[in-house]
Amino acid sequence: MGGISLSGAVGGNSRGADLVAGGTTSIELPAELAALLEKEARSRRKSVTRYIAEWLEDQADYRAAERVMKRVREGKEKLIPAEEVYKRLGI
């Protein structure tokens, strides 16, 4: 198995927030998976740490969106068309 260590500050992301690690996390991956992870990160010109951190943040965003959509389906939350929002804001 290959090992990957994630540590330190990750820096700003596309949403303008900073991702900061609380320490070091090490994970053991099969060599093939570690190589794939490194290849994917490199193809996006990111460090493995940044790639994983952003992926985790994207997953959290996805889960939050799923919760909102569940509330919409249950009638607990209402969607407002963009045109109506623009009209209300005078845009």
Protein backbone atom coordinates (compact mmCIF):
# COMPACT_ATOMS: atom_id res chain seq x y z
CA MET A 1 0.00 0.00 0.00
CA GLY A 2 1.09 3.55 -0.67
CA GLY A 3 0.96 6.20 1.98
CA ILE A 4 -0.17 9.80 1.61
CA SER A 5 0.16 12.44 4.30
CA LEU A 6 -1.97 15.58 4.35
CA SER A 7 -0.83 18.44 6.50
CA GLY A 8 -0.79 22.19 7.01
CA ALA A 9 -2.84 25.01 5.56
CA VAL A 10 -4.43 24.35 2.21
CA GLY A 11 -5.05 27.99 1.26
CA GLY A 12 -7.87 29.79 -0.52
CA ASN A 13 -10.38 27.99 -2.67
CA SER A 14 -12.63 29.01 -5.54
CA ARG A 15 -15.33 30.13 -3.11
CA GLY A 16 -13.00 32.61 -1.42
CA ALA A 17 -12.82 30.65 1.83
CA ASP A 18 -9.69 29.26 3.40
CA LEU A 19 -9.34 25.58 4.06
CA VAL A 20 -7.05 24.95 7.01
CA ALA A 21 -6.10 21.53 8.25
CA GLY A 22 -5.96 21.02 11.98
CA GLY A 23 -2.86 18.89 11.73
CA THR A 24 -1.62 15.94 9.77
CA THR A 25 -3.70 13.05 8.53
CA SER A 26 -2.09 10.01 7.01
CA ILE A 27 -3.94 7.42 4.98
CA GLU A 28 -2.77 4.15 3.49
CA LEU A 29 -3.96 3.55 -0.07
CA PRO A 30 -3.29 0.75 -2.50
CA ALA A 31 -0.44 1.84 -4.80
CA GLU A 32 -2.78 2.01 -7.82
CA LEU A 33 -5.20 4.31 -6.00
CA ALA A 34 -2.40 6.53 -4.66
CA ALA A 35 -1.01 6.83 -8.20
CA LEU A 36 -4.48 7.70 -9.55
CA LEU A 37 -4.96 10.34 -6.86
CA GLU A 38 -1.60 11.91 -7.65
CA LYS A 39 -2.36 11.81 -11.40
CA GLU A 40 -5.77 13.47 -10.90
CA ALA A 41 -4.30 16.19 -8.67
CA ARG A 42 -1.43 16.81 -11.10
CA SER A 43 -3.82 17.02 -14.09
CA ARG A 44 -5.67 19.81 -12.26
CA ARG A 45 -2.41 21.50 -11.23
CA LYS A 46 -3.18 21.05 -7.55
CA SER A 47 -1.40 19.39 -4.69
CA VAL A 48 -2.88 16.12 -3.48
CA THR A 49 -3.79 17.91 -0.24
CA ARG A 50 -5.65 20.70 -2.05
CA TYR A 51 -7.35 18.20 -4.40
CA ILE A 52 -8.67 16.11 -1.50
CA ALA A 53 -9.69 19.16 0.57
CA GLU A 54 -11.62 20.67 -2.32
CA TRP A 55 -13.25 17.32 -3.10
CA LEU A 56 -14.38 17.01 0.51
CA GLU A 57 -15.75 20.55 0.46
CA ASP A 58 -17.62 19.79 -2.78
CA GLN A 59 -19.12 16.70 -1.14
CA ALA A 60 -20.27 18.80 1.84
CA ASP A 61 -21.86 21.32 -0.57
CA TYR A 62 -23.59 18.48 -2.43
CA ARG A 63 -25.02 17.06 0.81
CA ALA A 64 -26.25 20.52 1.83
CA ALA A 65 -27.96 20.91 -1.56
CA GLU A 66 -29.56 17.48 -1.14
CA ARG A 67 -30.98 18.56 2.24
CA VAL A 68 -32.46 21.73 0.71
CA MET A 69 -34.00 19.78 -2.17
CA LYS A 70 -35.51 17.33 0.31
CA ARG A 71 -37.14 20.25 2.15
CA VAL A 72 -38.42 21.61 -1.19
CA ARG A 73 -39.94 18.22 -2.09
CA GLU A 74 -41.55 18.02 1.37
CA GLY A 75 -43.04 21.51 0.91
CA LYS A 76 -40.99 22.92 3.77
CA GLU A 77 -39.03 25.29 1.53
CA LYS A 78 -39.99 27.21 -1.59
CA LEU A 79 -37.97 27.90 -4.72
CA ILE A 80 -38.14 31.37 -6.22
CA PRO A 81 -37.38 31.77 -9.94
CA ALA A 82 -34.33 33.92 -10.69
CA GLU A 83 -36.47 36.32 -12.73
CA GLU A 84 -38.60 37.03 -9.65
CA VAL A 85 -35.51 37.61 -7.50
CA TYR A 86 -34.08 40.01 -10.10
CA LYS A 87 -37.43 41.83 -10.27
CA ARG A 88 -37.62 42.17 -6.47
CA LEU A 89 -34.06 43.54 -6.43
CA GLY A 90 -34.66 45.84 -9.39
CA ILE A 91 -31.98 44.19 -11.45
